[in-house]
Amino acid sequence: MARTAIGARSAKSARRRTSATPRKRRPLPLPLRLLAMALAFAAMVAFAAALARMTLEPSPASQELIHSNLRPGSSLRAYLDQPATRDAVKQIGGNILLGVPFGILLPVLAPGTRGILRVGLVTAVVMLMVELVQGAVITGRAFDIDDVILNTAGALLGYLLLGKRLGRAVHARERSRA
């Protein structure tokens, strides 16, 4: 009787081990892979155009706040102190939403940037450059460290919500193809 109980336990654990092994997925057909990459590329171009339009033109919503901000949290307090909550939501939420596509598309289009630290670092550097251009070149715009922080937070949110899975799925399919 002891033998059958031991045998049953080892058979059960063997089934668990085999069911836990990942199944090999068949790669998507070439037309679907090409379509996915074309859509990702189009989304990145659209994101770049939206980023340029929203950051490289003067913003009427931030005219009162046109001054460089090097102190984290300073602009956030100014946004939150505005009488209209809508303006604060627009400024803070807009900056967060601006970073979300970056966090989704970056791991898909640049496999070397996968990982939360890499996505955060690349996003922070790119957004820092955008803010520097705003402050130095665009009349009616100023450098704001809070925008860099909010954009990076948005990218990390996008990465955690979708970018991590998409990046893994796209590159797993490419590896299985090779």
N, C-alpha and C. Protein backbone atom coordinates (compact mmCIF):
# COMPACT_ATOMS: atom_id res chain seq x y z
N MET A 1 0.82 -1.19 0.00
CA MET A 1 0.00 0.00 0.00
C MET A 1 0.87 1.26 0.00
N ALA A 2 1.97 1.22 0.72
CA ALA A 2 2.87 2.37 0.74
C ALA A 2 3.47 2.60 -0.62
N ARG A 3 3.73 1.52 -1.32
CA ARG A 3 4.30 1.68 -2.67
C ARG A 3 3.34 2.38 -3.61
N THR A 4 2.09 2.05 -3.58
CA THR A 4 1.14 2.68 -4.49
C THR A 4 0.96 4.15 -4.17
N ALA A 5 0.97 4.51 -2.88
CA ALA A 5 0.86 5.92 -2.51
C ALA A 5 2.07 6.70 -2.99
N ILE A 6 3.26 6.13 -2.84
CA ILE A 6 4.48 6.79 -3.31
C ILE A 6 4.47 6.87 -4.83
N GLY A 7 4.08 5.79 -5.47
CA GLY A 7 4.02 5.79 -6.94
C GLY A 7 3.02 6.81 -7.46
N ALA A 8 1.87 6.92 -6.76
CA ALA A 8 0.85 7.89 -7.18
C ALA A 8 1.37 9.32 -7.01
N ARG A 9 2.09 9.58 -5.88
CA ARG A 9 2.63 10.91 -5.66
C ARG A 9 3.67 11.27 -6.72
N SER A 10 4.56 10.34 -7.04
CA SER A 10 5.60 10.64 -8.03
C SER A 10 4.99 10.81 -9.42
N ALA A 11 3.95 10.06 -9.74
CA ALA A 11 3.29 10.24 -11.04
C ALA A 11 2.61 11.60 -11.10
N LYS A 12 2.01 12.01 -9.97
CA LYS A 12 1.34 13.31 -9.90
C LYS A 12 2.35 14.44 -10.07
N SER A 13 3.50 14.34 -9.39
CA SER A 13 4.51 15.39 -9.51
C SER A 13 5.12 15.39 -10.91
N ALA A 14 5.23 14.24 -11.55
CA ALA A 14 5.74 14.19 -12.92
C ALA A 14 4.77 14.88 -13.87
N ARG A 15 3.46 14.67 -13.64
CA ARG A 15 2.47 15.35 -14.49
C ARG A 15 2.55 16.87 -14.31
N ARG A 16 2.75 17.31 -13.05
CA ARG A 16 2.88 18.74 -12.81
C ARG A 16 4.08 19.32 -13.54
N ARG A 17 5.20 18.61 -13.49
CA ARG A 17 6.41 19.10 -14.16
C ARG A 17 6.21 19.18 -15.66
N THR A 18 5.59 18.18 -16.25
CA THR A 18 5.40 18.20 -17.70
C THR A 18 4.39 19.24 -18.11
N SER A 19 3.36 19.47 -17.29
CA SER A 19 2.36 20.48 -17.67
C SER A 19 2.90 21.89 -17.46
N ALA A 20 3.93 22.05 -16.62
CA ALA A 20 4.50 23.37 -16.38
C ALA A 20 5.51 23.77 -17.45
N THR A 21 5.96 22.81 -18.25
CA THR A 21 6.92 23.17 -19.29
C THR A 21 6.21 23.97 -20.36
N PRO A 22 6.83 25.01 -20.85
CA PRO A 22 6.17 25.86 -21.84
C PRO A 22 5.98 25.12 -23.17
N ARG A 23 4.86 25.40 -23.76
CA ARG A 23 4.58 24.81 -25.07
C ARG A 23 5.23 25.67 -26.13
N LYS A 24 5.72 25.03 -27.15
CA LYS A 24 6.29 25.79 -28.26
C LYS A 24 5.15 26.31 -29.12
N ARG A 25 5.20 27.58 -29.36
CA ARG A 25 4.17 28.20 -30.21
C ARG A 25 4.68 28.25 -31.63
N ARG A 26 3.75 28.05 -32.50
CA ARG A 26 4.12 28.18 -33.91
C ARG A 26 4.20 29.67 -34.23
N PRO A 27 5.18 30.05 -35.01
CA PRO A 27 5.30 31.47 -35.37
C PRO A 27 4.12 31.89 -36.25
N LEU A 28 3.81 33.16 -36.16
CA LEU A 28 2.77 33.70 -37.03
C LEU A 28 3.21 33.59 -38.48
N PRO A 29 2.26 33.44 -39.36
CA PRO A 29 2.61 33.44 -40.79
C PRO A 29 3.26 34.77 -41.17
N LEU A 30 4.11 34.73 -42.16
CA LEU A 30 4.87 35.90 -42.59
C LEU A 30 3.99 37.12 -42.85
N PRO A 31 2.86 36.99 -43.55
CA PRO A 31 2.03 38.20 -43.79
C PRO A 31 1.56 38.85 -42.49
N LEU A 32 1.21 38.04 -41.49
CA LEU A 32 0.76 38.62 -40.22
C LEU A 32 1.91 39.28 -39.47
N ARG A 33 3.08 38.68 -39.52
CA ARG A 33 4.26 39.29 -38.88
C ARG A 33 4.58 40.62 -39.54
N LEU A 34 4.54 40.65 -40.87
CA LEU A 34 4.82 41.90 -41.58
C LEU A 34 3.78 42.96 -41.25
N LEU A 35 2.52 42.55 -41.15
CA LEU A 35 1.45 43.48 -40.80
C LEU A 35 1.67 44.03 -39.39
N ALA A 36 2.02 43.16 -38.45
CA ALA A 36 2.28 43.60 -37.06
C ALA A 36 3.43 44.60 -37.02
N MET A 37 4.50 44.33 -37.74
CA MET A 37 5.64 45.24 -37.74
C MET A 37 5.28 46.56 -38.43
N ALA A 38 4.50 46.49 -39.50
CA ALA A 38 4.07 47.72 -40.19
C ALA A 38 3.19 48.56 -39.27
N LEU A 39 2.29 47.91 -38.54
CA LEU A 39 1.44 48.64 -37.60
C LEU A 39 2.26 49.25 -36.47
N ALA A 40 3.23 48.51 -35.95
CA ALA A 40 4.10 49.04 -34.90
C ALA A 40 4.89 50.23 -35.42
N PHE A 41 5.40 50.14 -36.63
CA PHE A 41 6.15 51.25 -37.22
C PHE A 41 5.24 52.47 -37.42
N ALA A 42 4.02 52.24 -37.94
CA ALA A 42 3.08 53.34 -38.14
C ALA A 42 2.71 53.98 -36.80
N ALA A 43 2.55 53.17 -35.77
CA ALA A 43 2.23 53.71 -34.45
C ALA A 43 3.39 54.54 -33.93
N MET A 44 4.61 54.12 -34.17
CA MET A 44 5.77 54.88 -33.70
C MET A 44 5.88 56.21 -34.45
N VAL A 45 5.62 56.20 -35.75
CA VAL A 45 5.64 57.44 -36.53
C VAL A 45 4.54 58.39 -36.04
N ALA A 46 3.35 57.84 -35.80
CA ALA A 46 2.25 58.67 -35.29
C ALA A 46 2.59 59.24 -33.92
N PHE A 47 3.22 58.40 -33.09
CA PHE A 47 3.63 58.86 -31.76
C PHE A 47 4.65 59.99 -31.88
N ALA A 48 5.62 59.83 -32.78
CA ALA A 48 6.65 60.86 -32.96
C ALA A 48 6.02 62.16 -33.45
N ALA A 49 5.06 62.07 -34.37
CA ALA A 49 4.38 63.27 -34.87
C ALA A 49 3.57 63.93 -33.75
N ALA A 50 2.87 63.14 -32.96
CA ALA A 50 2.08 63.70 -31.86
C ALA A 50 3.00 64.31 -30.81
N LEU A 51 4.12 63.65 -30.53
CA LEU A 51 5.08 64.17 -29.57
C LEU A 51 5.62 65.52 -30.04
N ALA A 52 5.98 65.60 -31.31
CA ALA A 52 6.50 66.86 -31.85
C ALA A 52 5.43 67.95 -31.79
N ARG A 53 4.22 67.61 -32.17
CA ARG A 53 3.15 68.61 -32.17
C ARG A 53 2.84 69.11 -30.77
N MET A 54 2.82 68.21 -29.81
CA MET A 54 2.43 68.60 -28.45
C MET A 54 3.57 69.25 -27.66
N THR A 55 4.80 68.98 -28.04
CA THR A 55 5.90 69.49 -27.23
C THR A 55 6.70 70.60 -27.90
N LEU A 56 6.60 70.71 -29.20
CA LEU A 56 7.42 71.70 -29.88
C LEU A 56 6.63 72.91 -30.37
N GLU A 57 5.39 73.04 -29.90
CA GLU A 57 4.58 74.22 -30.19
C GLU A 57 4.17 74.84 -28.86
N PRO A 58 4.03 76.16 -28.82
CA PRO A 58 3.59 76.78 -27.57
C PRO A 58 2.24 76.25 -27.12
N SER A 59 2.06 76.10 -25.83
CA SER A 59 0.82 75.57 -25.27
C SER A 59 0.08 76.66 -24.52
N PRO A 60 -1.16 76.98 -24.93
CA PRO A 60 -1.92 78.00 -24.22
C PRO A 60 -2.21 77.59 -22.77
N ALA A 61 -2.30 76.30 -22.50
CA ALA A 61 -2.62 75.83 -21.14
C ALA A 61 -1.49 76.11 -20.15
N SER A 62 -0.28 76.25 -20.66
CA SER A 62 0.84 76.47 -19.73
C SER A 62 1.48 77.84 -19.88
N GLN A 63 0.76 78.80 -20.45
CA GLN A 63 1.32 80.13 -20.64
C GLN A 63 1.70 80.80 -19.32
N GLU A 64 0.89 80.57 -18.28
CA GLU A 64 1.18 81.18 -16.99
C GLU A 64 2.40 80.54 -16.34
N LEU A 65 2.74 79.34 -16.76
CA LEU A 65 3.82 78.58 -16.15
C LEU A 65 5.08 78.56 -17.00
N ILE A 66 5.22 79.52 -17.92
CA ILE A 66 6.37 79.51 -18.81
C ILE A 66 7.60 80.03 -18.07
N HIS A 67 8.27 79.11 -17.45
CA HIS A 67 9.54 79.36 -16.80
C HIS A 67 10.18 77.99 -16.61
N SER A 68 11.48 77.97 -16.64
CA SER A 68 12.16 76.69 -16.47
C SER A 68 11.96 76.18 -15.05
N ASN A 69 11.79 74.89 -14.94
CA ASN A 69 11.60 74.26 -13.64
C ASN A 69 12.62 73.15 -13.47
N LEU A 70 13.53 73.34 -12.55
CA LEU A 70 14.55 72.33 -12.26
C LEU A 70 14.27 71.62 -10.94
N ARG A 71 13.22 72.03 -10.24
CA ARG A 71 12.89 71.42 -8.94
C ARG A 71 11.73 70.45 -9.11
N PRO A 72 11.97 69.15 -8.95
CA PRO A 72 10.89 68.17 -9.09
C PRO A 72 9.72 68.48 -8.14
N GLY A 73 8.54 68.45 -8.70
CA GLY A 73 7.33 68.69 -7.92
C GLY A 73 6.83 70.11 -7.97
N SER A 74 7.66 71.05 -8.39
CA SER A 74 7.27 72.46 -8.40
C SER A 74 6.10 72.72 -9.36
N SER A 75 6.20 72.24 -10.58
CA SER A 75 5.12 72.43 -11.55
C SER A 75 3.88 71.64 -11.15
N LEU A 76 4.09 70.46 -10.59
CA LEU A 76 2.94 69.66 -10.15
C LEU A 76 2.12 70.43 -9.11
N ARG A 77 2.81 71.06 -8.16
CA ARG A 77 2.10 71.86 -7.17
C ARG A 77 1.36 73.02 -7.84
N ALA A 78 1.99 73.66 -8.81
CA ALA A 78 1.34 74.77 -9.52
C ALA A 78 0.10 74.29 -10.27
N TYR A 79 0.20 73.12 -10.90
CA TYR A 79 -0.96 72.57 -11.61
C TYR A 79 -2.09 72.27 -10.63
N LEU A 80 -1.74 71.66 -9.51
CA LEU A 80 -2.75 71.26 -8.53
C LEU A 80 -3.35 72.46 -7.80
N ASP A 81 -2.63 73.58 -7.75
CA ASP A 81 -3.14 74.79 -7.10
C ASP A 81 -4.07 75.60 -8.00
N GLN A 82 -4.16 75.24 -9.27
CA GLN A 82 -5.05 75.95 -10.18
C GLN A 82 -6.50 75.72 -9.76
N PRO A 83 -7.34 76.75 -9.92
CA PRO A 83 -8.73 76.60 -9.48
C PRO A 83 -9.51 75.54 -10.29
N ALA A 84 -9.19 75.39 -11.54
CA ALA A 84 -9.91 74.43 -12.38
C ALA A 84 -9.18 73.08 -12.35
N THR A 85 -9.85 72.08 -11.81
CA THR A 85 -9.27 70.74 -11.73
C THR A 85 -8.99 70.20 -13.13
N ARG A 86 -9.83 70.60 -14.07
CA ARG A 86 -9.67 70.14 -15.45
C ARG A 86 -8.29 70.46 -16.01
N ASP A 87 -7.77 71.66 -15.69
CA ASP A 87 -6.46 72.06 -16.18
C ASP A 87 -5.35 71.19 -15.59
N ALA A 88 -5.48 70.87 -14.30
CA ALA A 88 -4.48 70.01 -13.64
C ALA A 88 -4.51 68.61 -14.25
N VAL A 89 -5.71 68.08 -14.44
CA VAL A 89 -5.84 66.74 -15.04
C VAL A 89 -5.28 66.75 -16.46
N LYS A 90 -5.55 67.82 -17.18
CA LYS A 90 -5.07 67.92 -18.56
C LYS A 90 -3.54 67.95 -18.61
N GLN A 91 -2.93 68.74 -17.75
CA GLN A 91 -1.46 68.85 -17.74
C GLN A 91 -0.79 67.58 -17.24
N ILE A 92 -1.22 67.09 -16.08
CA ILE A 92 -0.60 65.91 -15.48
C ILE A 92 -0.94 64.65 -16.28
N GLY A 93 -2.23 64.46 -16.54
CA GLY A 93 -2.66 63.28 -17.31
C GLY A 93 -2.10 63.28 -18.72
N GLY A 94 -2.05 64.45 -19.33
CA GLY A 94 -1.50 64.54 -20.69
C GLY A 94 -0.03 64.14 -20.74
N ASN A 95 0.73 64.57 -19.76
CA ASN A 95 2.15 64.20 -19.73
C ASN A 95 2.34 62.71 -19.47
N ILE A 96 1.50 62.14 -18.62
CA ILE A 96 1.59 60.70 -18.38
C ILE A 96 1.20 59.94 -19.65
N LEU A 97 0.07 60.33 -20.25
CA LEU A 97 -0.38 59.64 -21.47
C LEU A 97 0.61 59.77 -22.62
N LEU A 98 1.33 60.87 -22.65
CA LEU A 98 2.32 61.07 -23.71
C LEU A 98 3.43 60.02 -23.65
N GLY A 99 3.74 59.52 -22.46
CA GLY A 99 4.79 58.52 -22.32
C GLY A 99 4.33 57.10 -22.54
N VAL A 100 3.03 56.81 -22.40
CA VAL A 100 2.53 55.44 -22.50
C VAL A 100 2.92 54.75 -23.81
N PRO A 101 2.71 55.38 -24.98
CA PRO A 101 3.10 54.69 -26.23
C PRO A 101 4.58 54.34 -26.28
N PHE A 102 5.39 55.17 -25.67
CA PHE A 102 6.83 54.91 -25.64
C PHE A 102 7.11 53.60 -24.92
N GLY A 103 6.44 53.39 -23.79
CA GLY A 103 6.62 52.17 -23.02
C GLY A 103 6.09 50.93 -23.71
N ILE A 104 5.13 51.12 -24.59
CA ILE A 104 4.56 49.98 -25.33
C ILE A 104 5.41 49.66 -26.55
N LEU A 105 5.80 50.68 -27.29
CA LEU A 105 6.48 50.45 -28.57
C LEU A 105 7.98 50.21 -28.45
N LEU A 106 8.61 50.80 -27.47
CA LEU A 106 10.06 50.68 -27.33
C LEU A 106 10.52 49.22 -27.22
N PRO A 107 9.93 48.38 -26.37
CA PRO A 107 10.39 46.99 -26.29
C PRO A 107 10.09 46.17 -27.55
N VAL A 108 9.09 46.60 -28.31
CA VAL A 108 8.74 45.88 -29.54
C VAL A 108 9.72 46.22 -30.65
N LEU A 109 10.03 47.51 -30.80
CA LEU A 109 10.86 47.95 -31.91
C LEU A 109 12.36 47.89 -31.62
N ALA A 110 12.74 47.94 -30.35
CA ALA A 110 14.16 47.90 -29.98
C ALA A 110 14.35 46.86 -28.88
N PRO A 111 14.62 45.61 -29.25
CA PRO A 111 14.69 44.52 -28.26
C PRO A 111 15.72 44.76 -27.16
N GLY A 112 16.76 45.51 -27.44
CA GLY A 112 17.79 45.78 -26.44
C GLY A 112 17.30 46.67 -25.31
N THR A 113 16.12 47.27 -25.47
CA THR A 113 15.59 48.16 -24.43
C THR A 113 14.55 47.48 -23.56
N ARG A 114 14.37 46.16 -23.73
CA ARG A 114 13.39 45.47 -22.88
C ARG A 114 13.88 45.46 -21.44
N GLY A 115 12.94 45.53 -20.54
CA GLY A 115 13.23 45.58 -19.11
C GLY A 115 12.83 46.94 -18.57
N ILE A 116 12.27 46.94 -17.39
CA ILE A 116 11.71 48.18 -16.85
C ILE A 116 12.77 49.26 -16.64
N LEU A 117 13.96 48.87 -16.22
CA LEU A 117 15.01 49.88 -16.01
C LEU A 117 15.47 50.48 -17.34
N ARG A 118 15.62 49.65 -18.35
CA ARG A 118 16.05 50.16 -19.66
C ARG A 118 14.99 51.05 -20.28
N VAL A 119 13.74 50.63 -20.21
CA VAL A 119 12.65 51.46 -20.76
C VAL A 119 12.62 52.80 -20.02
N GLY A 120 12.74 52.76 -18.70
CA GLY A 120 12.74 54.01 -17.92
C GLY A 120 13.91 54.90 -18.28
N LEU A 121 15.08 54.33 -18.40
CA LEU A 121 16.28 55.11 -18.71
C LEU A 121 16.21 55.72 -20.12
N VAL A 122 15.87 54.91 -21.10
CA VAL A 122 15.78 55.42 -22.49
C VAL A 122 14.71 56.51 -22.57
N THR A 123 13.56 56.26 -21.95
CA THR A 123 12.49 57.26 -21.98
C THR A 123 12.93 58.55 -21.32
N ALA A 124 13.56 58.45 -20.15
CA ALA A 124 14.01 59.65 -19.44
C ALA A 124 15.00 60.45 -20.29
N VAL A 125 15.92 59.76 -20.95
CA VAL A 125 16.91 60.46 -21.79
C VAL A 125 16.24 61.15 -22.97
N VAL A 126 15.34 60.43 -23.65
CA VAL A 126 14.65 61.03 -24.81
C VAL A 126 13.80 62.21 -24.37
N MET A 127 13.04 62.06 -23.30
CA MET A 127 12.18 63.14 -22.83
C MET A 127 13.00 64.32 -22.30
N LEU A 128 14.15 64.03 -21.72
CA LEU A 128 15.05 65.10 -21.28
C LEU A 128 15.52 65.91 -22.48
N MET A 129 15.86 65.22 -23.57
CA MET A 129 16.28 65.93 -24.79
C MET A 129 15.14 66.77 -25.36
N VAL A 130 13.92 66.22 -25.35
CA VAL A 130 12.76 66.98 -25.84
C VAL A 130 12.58 68.24 -25.00
N GLU A 131 12.66 68.11 -23.69
CA GLU A 131 12.50 69.26 -22.81
C GLU A 131 13.61 70.29 -23.01
N LEU A 132 14.83 69.83 -23.23
CA LEU A 132 15.93 70.76 -23.48
C LEU A 132 15.69 71.54 -24.77
N VAL A 133 15.21 70.87 -25.81
CA VAL A 133 14.90 71.56 -27.07
C VAL A 133 13.78 72.56 -26.83
N GLN A 134 12.76 72.14 -26.10
CA GLN A 134 11.66 73.07 -25.79
C GLN A 134 12.18 74.34 -25.12
N GLY A 135 12.98 74.16 -24.10
CA GLY A 135 13.46 75.30 -23.34
C GLY A 135 14.41 76.19 -24.11
N ALA A 136 15.21 75.60 -25.00
CA ALA A 136 16.23 76.37 -25.71
C ALA A 136 15.74 76.97 -27.02
N VAL A 137 14.81 76.31 -27.69
CA VAL A 137 14.48 76.70 -29.06
C VAL A 137 13.07 77.25 -29.23
N ILE A 138 12.10 76.71 -28.53
CA ILE A 138 10.71 77.04 -28.79
C ILE A 138 10.27 78.23 -27.94
N THR A 139 9.81 79.28 -28.61
CA THR A 139 9.28 80.45 -27.91
C THR A 139 7.94 80.08 -27.29
N GLY A 140 7.77 80.41 -26.04
CA GLY A 140 6.52 80.09 -25.35
C GLY A 140 6.55 78.74 -24.67
N ARG A 141 7.68 78.05 -24.68
CA ARG A 141 7.83 76.76 -23.99
C ARG A 141 9.04 76.85 -23.09
N ALA A 142 9.09 76.01 -22.07
CA ALA A 142 10.21 76.03 -21.13
C ALA A 142 10.55 74.61 -20.70
N PHE A 143 11.78 74.45 -20.24
CA PHE A 143 12.22 73.16 -19.70
C PHE A 143 11.51 72.91 -18.38
N ASP A 144 10.97 71.69 -18.20
CA ASP A 144 10.29 71.34 -16.96
C ASP A 144 10.64 69.91 -16.58
N ILE A 145 11.35 69.74 -15.48
CA ILE A 145 11.77 68.41 -15.04
C ILE A 145 10.56 67.55 -14.67
N ASP A 146 9.47 68.18 -14.23
CA ASP A 146 8.26 67.42 -13.91
C ASP A 146 7.67 66.75 -15.14
N ASP A 147 7.79 67.39 -16.29
CA ASP A 147 7.32 66.77 -17.53
C ASP A 147 8.13 65.51 -17.84
N VAL A 148 9.43 65.56 -17.62
CA VAL A 148 10.28 64.38 -17.85
C VAL A 148 9.86 63.25 -16.91
N ILE A 149 9.61 63.60 -15.66
CA ILE A 149 9.21 62.58 -14.67
C ILE A 149 7.86 61.98 -15.04
N LEU A 150 6.89 62.82 -15.40
CA LEU A 150 5.56 62.32 -15.76
C LEU A 150 5.59 61.49 -17.05
N ASN A 151 6.34 61.95 -18.05
CA ASN A 151 6.47 61.18 -19.29
C ASN A 151 7.09 59.82 -19.03
N THR A 152 8.11 59.79 -18.20
CA THR A 152 8.78 58.52 -17.87
C THR A 152 7.85 57.61 -17.09
N ALA A 153 7.08 58.19 -16.16
CA ALA A 153 6.10 57.39 -15.42
C ALA A 153 5.07 56.79 -16.38
N GLY A 154 4.65 57.55 -17.37
CA GLY A 154 3.71 57.05 -18.37
C GLY A 154 4.30 55.91 -19.18
N ALA A 155 5.57 56.04 -19.55
CA ALA A 155 6.24 54.97 -20.31
C ALA A 155 6.34 53.70 -19.47
N LEU A 156 6.66 53.85 -18.20
CA LEU A 156 6.73 52.68 -17.33
C LEU A 156 5.37 52.03 -17.17
N LEU A 157 4.33 52.84 -17.08
CA LEU A 157 2.97 52.33 -17.01
C LEU A 157 2.62 51.56 -18.28
N GLY A 158 2.93 52.14 -19.44
CA GLY A 158 2.67 51.47 -20.71
C GLY A 158 3.45 50.17 -20.83
N TYR A 159 4.69 50.18 -20.35
CA TYR A 159 5.51 48.97 -20.39
C TYR A 159 4.89 47.88 -19.52
N LEU A 160 4.48 48.25 -18.31
CA LEU A 160 3.92 47.25 -17.40
C LEU A 160 2.57 46.74 -17.87
N LEU A 161 1.76 47.61 -18.46
CA LEU A 161 0.43 47.20 -18.91
C LEU A 161 0.46 46.34 -20.17
N LEU A 162 1.32 46.70 -21.12
CA LEU A 162 1.27 46.02 -22.42
C LEU A 162 2.63 45.79 -23.06
N GLY A 163 3.54 46.72 -22.91
CA GLY A 163 4.83 46.65 -23.61
C GLY A 163 5.65 45.42 -23.27
N LYS A 164 5.64 45.04 -22.01
CA LYS A 164 6.43 43.88 -21.58
C LYS A 164 5.95 42.62 -22.29
N ARG A 165 4.64 42.41 -22.30
CA ARG A 165 4.07 41.22 -22.96
C ARG A 165 4.25 41.26 -24.46
N LEU A 166 4.00 42.41 -25.06
CA LEU A 166 4.15 42.53 -26.52
C LEU A 166 5.60 42.31 -26.94
N GLY A 167 6.52 42.93 -26.23
CA GLY A 167 7.94 42.77 -26.55
C GLY A 167 8.38 41.32 -26.44
N ARG A 168 7.94 40.66 -25.37
CA ARG A 168 8.27 39.25 -25.18
C ARG A 168 7.68 38.39 -26.30
N ALA A 169 6.41 38.63 -26.64
CA ALA A 169 5.73 37.82 -27.65
C ALA A 169 6.36 37.99 -29.02
N VAL A 170 6.64 39.22 -29.40
CA VAL A 170 7.23 39.48 -30.72
C VAL A 170 8.59 38.83 -30.83
N HIS A 171 9.42 38.97 -29.82
CA HIS A 171 10.78 38.45 -29.90
C HIS A 171 10.84 36.94 -29.70
N ALA A 172 9.87 36.37 -28.97
CA ALA A 172 9.80 34.92 -28.83
C ALA A 172 9.45 34.30 -30.17
N ARG A 173 8.55 34.94 -30.89
CA ARG A 173 8.18 34.42 -32.21
C ARG A 173 9.35 34.53 -33.18
N GLU A 174 10.10 35.61 -33.09
CA GLU A 174 11.27 35.76 -33.98
C GLU A 174 12.32 34.70 -33.68
N ARG A 175 12.54 34.41 -32.38
CA ARG A 175 13.52 33.38 -32.01
C ARG A 175 13.08 32.01 -32.46
N SER A 176 11.78 31.71 -32.36
CA SER A 176 11.33 30.39 -32.77
C SER A 176 11.40 30.22 -34.29
N ARG A 177 11.37 31.35 -34.98
CA ARG A 177 11.50 31.31 -36.45
C ARG A 177 12.92 30.98 -36.86
N ALA A 178 13.89 31.43 -36.07
CA ALA A 178 15.29 31.28 -36.44
C ALA A 178 15.82 29.90 -36.26
